[in-house]
Amino acid sequence: MYLVATIAGMKQFSGIFSVLKNKYFLASAFFVVWMLFFDPKDWGTMRDRKNKLVELEISEKHLTQQIADTRKELGLLRNSAHTIEKYARENYYMKKDNEDLFIVKTP
Protein backbone atom coordinates (compact mmCIF):
# COMPACT_ATOMS: atom_id res chain seq x y z
CA MET A 1 0.00 0.00 0.00
CA TYR A 2 2.88 2.34 0.81
CA LEU A 3 4.44 1.51 -2.52
CA VAL A 4 1.25 2.45 -4.36
CA ALA A 5 1.08 5.83 -2.56
CA THR A 6 4.71 6.62 -3.38
CA ILE A 7 4.21 5.73 -7.04
CA ALA A 8 1.17 8.01 -7.22
CA GLY A 9 3.19 10.74 -5.45
CA MET A 10 6.04 10.28 -7.91
CA LYS A 11 3.65 10.76 -10.81
CA GLN A 12 2.47 14.02 -9.24
CA PHE A 13 6.03 15.22 -8.76
CA SER A 14 6.97 14.23 -12.29
CA GLY A 15 4.03 16.33 -13.53
CA ILE A 16 5.22 19.30 -11.44
CA PHE A 17 8.80 18.85 -12.62
CA SER A 18 7.71 18.71 -16.24
CA VAL A 19 5.90 22.04 -15.75
CA LEU A 20 9.01 23.52 -14.13
CA LYS A 21 11.14 22.30 -17.04
CA ASN A 22 8.84 23.99 -19.56
CA LYS A 23 10.75 26.89 -21.13
CA TYR A 24 7.61 29.00 -21.61
CA PHE A 25 6.67 28.66 -17.95
CA LEU A 26 10.21 29.55 -16.88
CA ALA A 27 10.31 32.58 -19.18
CA SER A 28 6.89 33.75 -17.95
CA ALA A 29 7.85 33.27 -14.29
CA PHE A 30 11.12 35.14 -14.82
CA PHE A 31 9.26 37.99 -16.56
CA VAL A 32 6.70 38.30 -13.75
CA VAL A 33 9.38 38.28 -11.04
CA TRP A 34 11.45 40.82 -12.97
CA MET A 35 8.50 43.17 -13.46
CA LEU A 36 7.36 42.94 -9.84
CA PHE A 37 10.72 43.43 -8.12
CA PHE A 38 13.62 44.48 -10.36
CA ASP A 39 12.22 46.76 -13.06
CA PRO A 40 12.62 50.56 -12.59
CA LYS A 41 8.82 50.78 -12.66
CA ASP A 42 8.27 47.91 -10.25
CA TRP A 43 5.22 47.48 -8.04
CA GLY A 44 6.78 48.96 -4.88
CA THR A 45 8.04 52.06 -6.63
CA MET A 46 4.70 52.68 -8.29
CA ARG A 47 2.90 52.33 -4.94
CA ASP A 48 5.30 54.79 -3.32
CA ARG A 49 4.84 57.26 -6.16
CA LYS A 50 1.05 57.02 -5.88
CA ASN A 51 1.22 57.69 -2.13
CA LYS A 52 3.51 60.67 -2.74
CA LEU A 53 1.09 62.00 -5.37
CA VAL A 54 -1.81 61.82 -2.89
CA GLU A 55 0.27 63.68 -0.27
CA LEU A 56 1.20 66.36 -2.80
CA GLU A 57 -2.43 66.82 -3.89
CA ILE A 58 -3.48 67.30 -0.25
CA SER A 59 -0.66 69.79 0.23
CA GLU A 60 -1.69 71.63 -2.94
CA LYS A 61 -5.27 71.99 -1.68
CA HIS A 62 -4.04 73.29 1.67
CA LEU A 63 -1.66 75.80 0.08
CA THR A 64 -4.32 76.97 -2.40
CA GLN A 65 -6.69 77.66 0.50
CA GLN A 66 -3.92 79.46 2.39
CA ILE A 67 -3.17 81.65 -0.66
CA ALA A 68 -6.86 82.52 -1.02
CA ASP A 69 -7.06 83.51 2.67
CA THR A 70 -3.90 85.62 2.39
CA ARG A 71 -5.20 87.42 -0.71
CA LYS A 72 -8.47 88.15 1.06
CA GLU A 73 -6.60 89.52 4.09
CA LEU A 74 -4.35 91.61 1.84
CA GLY A 75 -7.39 93.11 0.14
CA LEU A 76 -8.80 94.08 3.54
CA LEU A 77 -5.47 95.57 4.63
CA ARG A 78 -5.23 97.72 1.50
CA ASN A 79 -8.69 99.21 1.95
CA SER A 80 -9.29 99.79 5.65
CA ALA A 81 -7.28 101.61 8.32
CA HIS A 82 -9.28 99.86 11.02
CA THR A 83 -8.23 96.47 9.61
CA ILE A 84 -4.57 97.54 9.58
CA GLU A 85 -4.78 98.54 13.25
CA LYS A 86 -6.52 95.27 14.18
CA TYR A 87 -3.91 93.24 12.26
CA ALA A 88 -1.01 95.04 13.95
CA ARG A 89 -2.53 94.52 17.41
CA GLU A 90 -3.25 90.81 16.89
CA ASN A 91 -0.12 89.70 15.05
CA TYR A 92 2.61 92.09 16.23
CA TYR A 93 1.23 92.91 19.71
CA MET A 94 1.37 96.67 19.07
CA LYS A 95 -0.37 99.00 21.46
CA LYS A 96 -1.17 102.65 21.92
CA ASP A 97 0.86 104.78 24.33
CA ASN A 98 -1.81 104.93 27.01
CA GLU A 99 -2.59 101.18 26.97
CA ASP A 100 -1.21 98.17 28.82
CA LEU A 101 -0.92 94.88 26.98
CA PHE A 102 -1.58 91.51 28.67
CA ILE A 103 -0.96 88.35 26.66
CA VAL A 104 -2.82 85.27 27.85
CA LYS A 105 -1.89 81.99 26.16
CA THR A 106 -4.27 79.09 26.39
CA PRO A 107 -2.84 75.58 26.75
C-alpha atoms as a PDB file:
ATOM      1  CA  MET A   1       0.000   0.000   0.000  1.00  0.00           C
ATOM      2  CA  TYR A   2       2.882   2.335   0.810  1.00  0.00           C
ATOM      3  CA  LEU A   3       4.444   1.506  -2.519  1.00  0.00           C
ATOM      4  CA  VAL A   4       1.247   2.445  -4.364  1.00  0.00           C
ATOM      5  CA  ALA A   5       1.083   5.826  -2.562  1.00  0.00           C
ATOM      6  CA  THR A   6       4.708   6.621  -3.384  1.00  0.00           C
ATOM      7  CA  ILE A   7       4.206   5.733  -7.036  1.00  0.00           C
ATOM      8  CA  ALA A   8       1.166   8.015  -7.217  1.00  0.00           C
ATOM      9  CA  GLY A   9       3.193  10.739  -5.455  1.00  0.00           C
ATOM     10  CA  MET A  10       6.038  10.278  -7.911  1.00  0.00           C
ATOM     11  CA  LYS A  11       3.646  10.756 -10.808  1.00  0.00           C
ATOM     12  CA  GLN A  12       2.472  14.019  -9.242  1.00  0.00           C
ATOM     13  CA  PHE A  13       6.032  15.224  -8.762  1.00  0.00           C
ATOM     14  CA  SER A  14       6.972  14.226 -12.290  1.00  0.00           C
ATOM     15  CA  GLY A  15       4.033  16.327 -13.528  1.00  0.00           C
ATOM     16  CA  ILE A  16       5.224  19.297 -11.443  1.00  0.00           C
ATOM     17  CA  PHE A  17       8.800  18.846 -12.621  1.00  0.00           C
ATOM     18  CA  SER A  18       7.708  18.708 -16.238  1.00  0.00           C
ATOM     19  CA  VAL A  19       5.896  22.043 -15.754  1.00  0.00           C
ATOM     20  CA  LEU A  20       9.011  23.521 -14.130  1.00  0.00           C
ATOM     21  CA  LYS A  21      11.143  22.303 -17.037  1.00  0.00           C
ATOM     22  CA  ASN A  22       8.840  23.990 -19.558  1.00  0.00           C
ATOM     23  CA  LYS A  23      10.755  26.885 -21.130  1.00  0.00           C
ATOM     24  CA  TYR A  24       7.610  28.999 -21.609  1.00  0.00           C
ATOM     25  CA  PHE A  25       6.674  28.656 -17.946  1.00  0.00           C
ATOM     26  CA  LEU A  26      10.213  29.550 -16.883  1.00  0.00           C
ATOM     27  CA  ALA A  27      10.306  32.580 -19.177  1.00  0.00           C
ATOM     28  CA  SER A  28       6.895  33.752 -17.951  1.00  0.00           C
ATOM     29  CA  ALA A  29       7.846  33.271 -14.288  1.00  0.00           C
ATOM     30  CA  PHE A  30      11.121  35.142 -14.818  1.00  0.00           C
ATOM     31  CA  PHE A  31       9.261  37.988 -16.556  1.00  0.00           C
ATOM     32  CA  VAL A  32       6.698  38.300 -13.750  1.00  0.00           C
ATOM     33  CA  VAL A  33       9.377  38.282 -11.035  1.00  0.00           C
ATOM     34  CA  TRP A  34      11.449  40.817 -12.973  1.00  0.00           C
ATOM     35  CA  MET A  35       8.497  43.171 -13.460  1.00  0.00           C
ATOM     36  CA  LEU A  36       7.362  42.935  -9.835  1.00  0.00           C
ATOM     37  CA  PHE A  37      10.720  43.431  -8.119  1.00  0.00           C
ATOM     38  CA  PHE A  38      13.624  44.482 -10.362  1.00  0.00           C
ATOM     39  CA  ASP A  39      12.218  46.760 -13.064  1.00  0.00           C
ATOM     40  CA  PRO A  40      12.620  50.559 -12.586  1.00  0.00           C
ATOM     41  CA  LYS A  41       8.821  50.778 -12.660  1.00  0.00           C
ATOM     42  CA  ASP A  42       8.267  47.907 -10.253  1.00  0.00           C
ATOM     43  CA  TRP A  43       5.225  47.481  -8.041  1.00  0.00           C
ATOM     44  CA  GLY A  44       6.776  48.960  -4.882  1.00  0.00           C
ATOM     45  CA  THR A  45       8.037  52.059  -6.625  1.00  0.00           C
ATOM     46  CA  MET A  46       4.699  52.678  -8.289  1.00  0.00           C
ATOM     47  CA  ARG A  47       2.897  52.327  -4.940  1.00  0.00           C
ATOM     48  CA  ASP A  48       5.302  54.794  -3.318  1.00  0.00           C
ATOM     49  CA  ARG A  49       4.841  57.264  -6.156  1.00  0.00           C
ATOM     50  CA  LYS A  50       1.046  57.019  -5.883  1.00  0.00           C
ATOM     51  CA  ASN A  51       1.220  57.691  -2.132  1.00  0.00           C
ATOM     52  CA  LYS A  52       3.508  60.672  -2.738  1.00  0.00           C
ATOM     53  CA  LEU A  53       1.087  61.997  -5.369  1.00  0.00           C
ATOM     54  CA  VAL A  54      -1.809  61.819  -2.887  1.00  0.00           C
ATOM     55  CA  GLU A  55       0.272  63.684  -0.273  1.00  0.00           C
ATOM     56  CA  LEU A  56       1.202  66.364  -2.800  1.00  0.00           C
ATOM     57  CA  GLU A  57      -2.430  66.819  -3.888  1.00  0.00           C
ATOM     58  CA  ILE A  58      -3.484  67.301  -0.254  1.00  0.00           C
ATOM     59  CA  SER A  59      -0.657  69.786   0.227  1.00  0.00           C
ATOM     60  CA  GLU A  60      -1.687  71.630  -2.939  1.00  0.00           C
ATOM     61  CA  LYS A  61      -5.271  71.992  -1.683  1.00  0.00           C
ATOM     62  CA  HIS A  62      -4.042  73.294   1.674  1.00  0.00           C
ATOM     63  CA  LEU A  63      -1.664  75.803   0.078  1.00  0.00           C
ATOM     64  CA  THR A  64      -4.322  76.966  -2.403  1.00  0.00           C
ATOM     65  CA  GLN A  65      -6.691  77.661   0.497  1.00  0.00           C
ATOM     66  CA  GLN A  66      -3.923  79.462   2.387  1.00  0.00           C
ATOM     67  CA  ILE A  67      -3.172  81.646  -0.663  1.00  0.00           C
ATOM     68  CA  ALA A  68      -6.856  82.525  -1.021  1.00  0.00           C
ATOM     69  CA  ASP A  69      -7.057  83.506   2.666  1.00  0.00           C
ATOM     70  CA  THR A  70      -3.902  85.617   2.391  1.00  0.00           C
ATOM     71  CA  ARG A  71      -5.198  87.421  -0.707  1.00  0.00           C
ATOM     72  CA  LYS A  72      -8.473  88.153   1.064  1.00  0.00           C
ATOM     73  CA  GLU A  73      -6.603  89.521   4.086  1.00  0.00           C
ATOM     74  CA  LEU A  74      -4.347  91.610   1.836  1.00  0.00           C
ATOM     75  CA  GLY A  75      -7.389  93.114   0.145  1.00  0.00           C
ATOM     76  CA  LEU A  76      -8.805  94.078   3.536  1.00  0.00           C
ATOM     77  CA  LEU A  77      -5.474  95.570   4.634  1.00  0.00           C
ATOM     78  CA  ARG A  78      -5.231  97.723   1.505  1.00  0.00           C
ATOM     79  CA  ASN A  79      -8.694  99.210   1.947  1.00  0.00           C
ATOM     80  CA  SER A  80      -9.293  99.786   5.655  1.00  0.00           C
ATOM     81  CA  ALA A  81      -7.282 101.609   8.320  1.00  0.00           C
ATOM     82  CA  HIS A  82      -9.282  99.855  11.024  1.00  0.00           C
ATOM     83  CA  THR A  83      -8.229  96.471   9.606  1.00  0.00           C
ATOM     84  CA  ILE A  84      -4.567  97.539   9.584  1.00  0.00           C
ATOM     85  CA  GLU A  85      -4.781  98.540  13.252  1.00  0.00           C
ATOM     86  CA  LYS A  86      -6.516  95.270  14.179  1.00  0.00           C
ATOM     87  CA  TYR A  87      -3.906  93.240  12.256  1.00  0.00           C
ATOM     88  CA  ALA A  88      -1.012  95.041  13.953  1.00  0.00           C
ATOM     89  CA  ARG A  89      -2.532  94.520  17.411  1.00  0.00           C
ATOM     90  CA  GLU A  90      -3.254  90.813  16.889  1.00  0.00           C
ATOM     91  CA  ASN A  91      -0.121  89.703  15.055  1.00  0.00           C
ATOM     92  CA  TYR A  92       2.605  92.089  16.229  1.00  0.00           C
ATOM     93  CA  TYR A  93       1.234  92.913  19.715  1.00  0.00           C
ATOM     94  CA  MET A  94       1.373  96.672  19.071  1.00  0.00           C
ATOM     95  CA  LYS A  95      -0.375  99.005  21.465  1.00  0.00           C
ATOM     96  CA  LYS A  96      -1.173 102.650  21.924  1.00  0.00           C
ATOM     97  CA  ASP A  97       0.860 104.778  24.330  1.00  0.00           C
ATOM     98  CA  ASN A  98      -1.806 104.932  27.011  1.00  0.00           C
ATOM     99  CA  GLU A  99      -2.595 101.177  26.973  1.00  0.00           C
ATOM    100  CA  ASP A 100      -1.213  98.166  28.817  1.00  0.00           C
ATOM    101  CA  LEU A 101      -0.917  94.882  26.985  1.00  0.00           C
ATOM    102  CA  PHE A 102      -1.581  91.509  28.667  1.00  0.00           C
ATOM    103  CA  ILE A 103      -0.963  88.353  26.656  1.00  0.00           C
ATOM    104  CA  VAL A 104      -2.818  85.268  27.850  1.00  0.00           C
ATOM    105  CA  LYS A 105      -1.887  81.991  26.162  1.00  0.00           C
ATOM    106  CA  THR A 106      -4.271  79.087  26.389  1.00  0.00           C
ATOM    107  CA  PRO A 107      -2.838  75.581  26.747  1.00  0.00           C
END
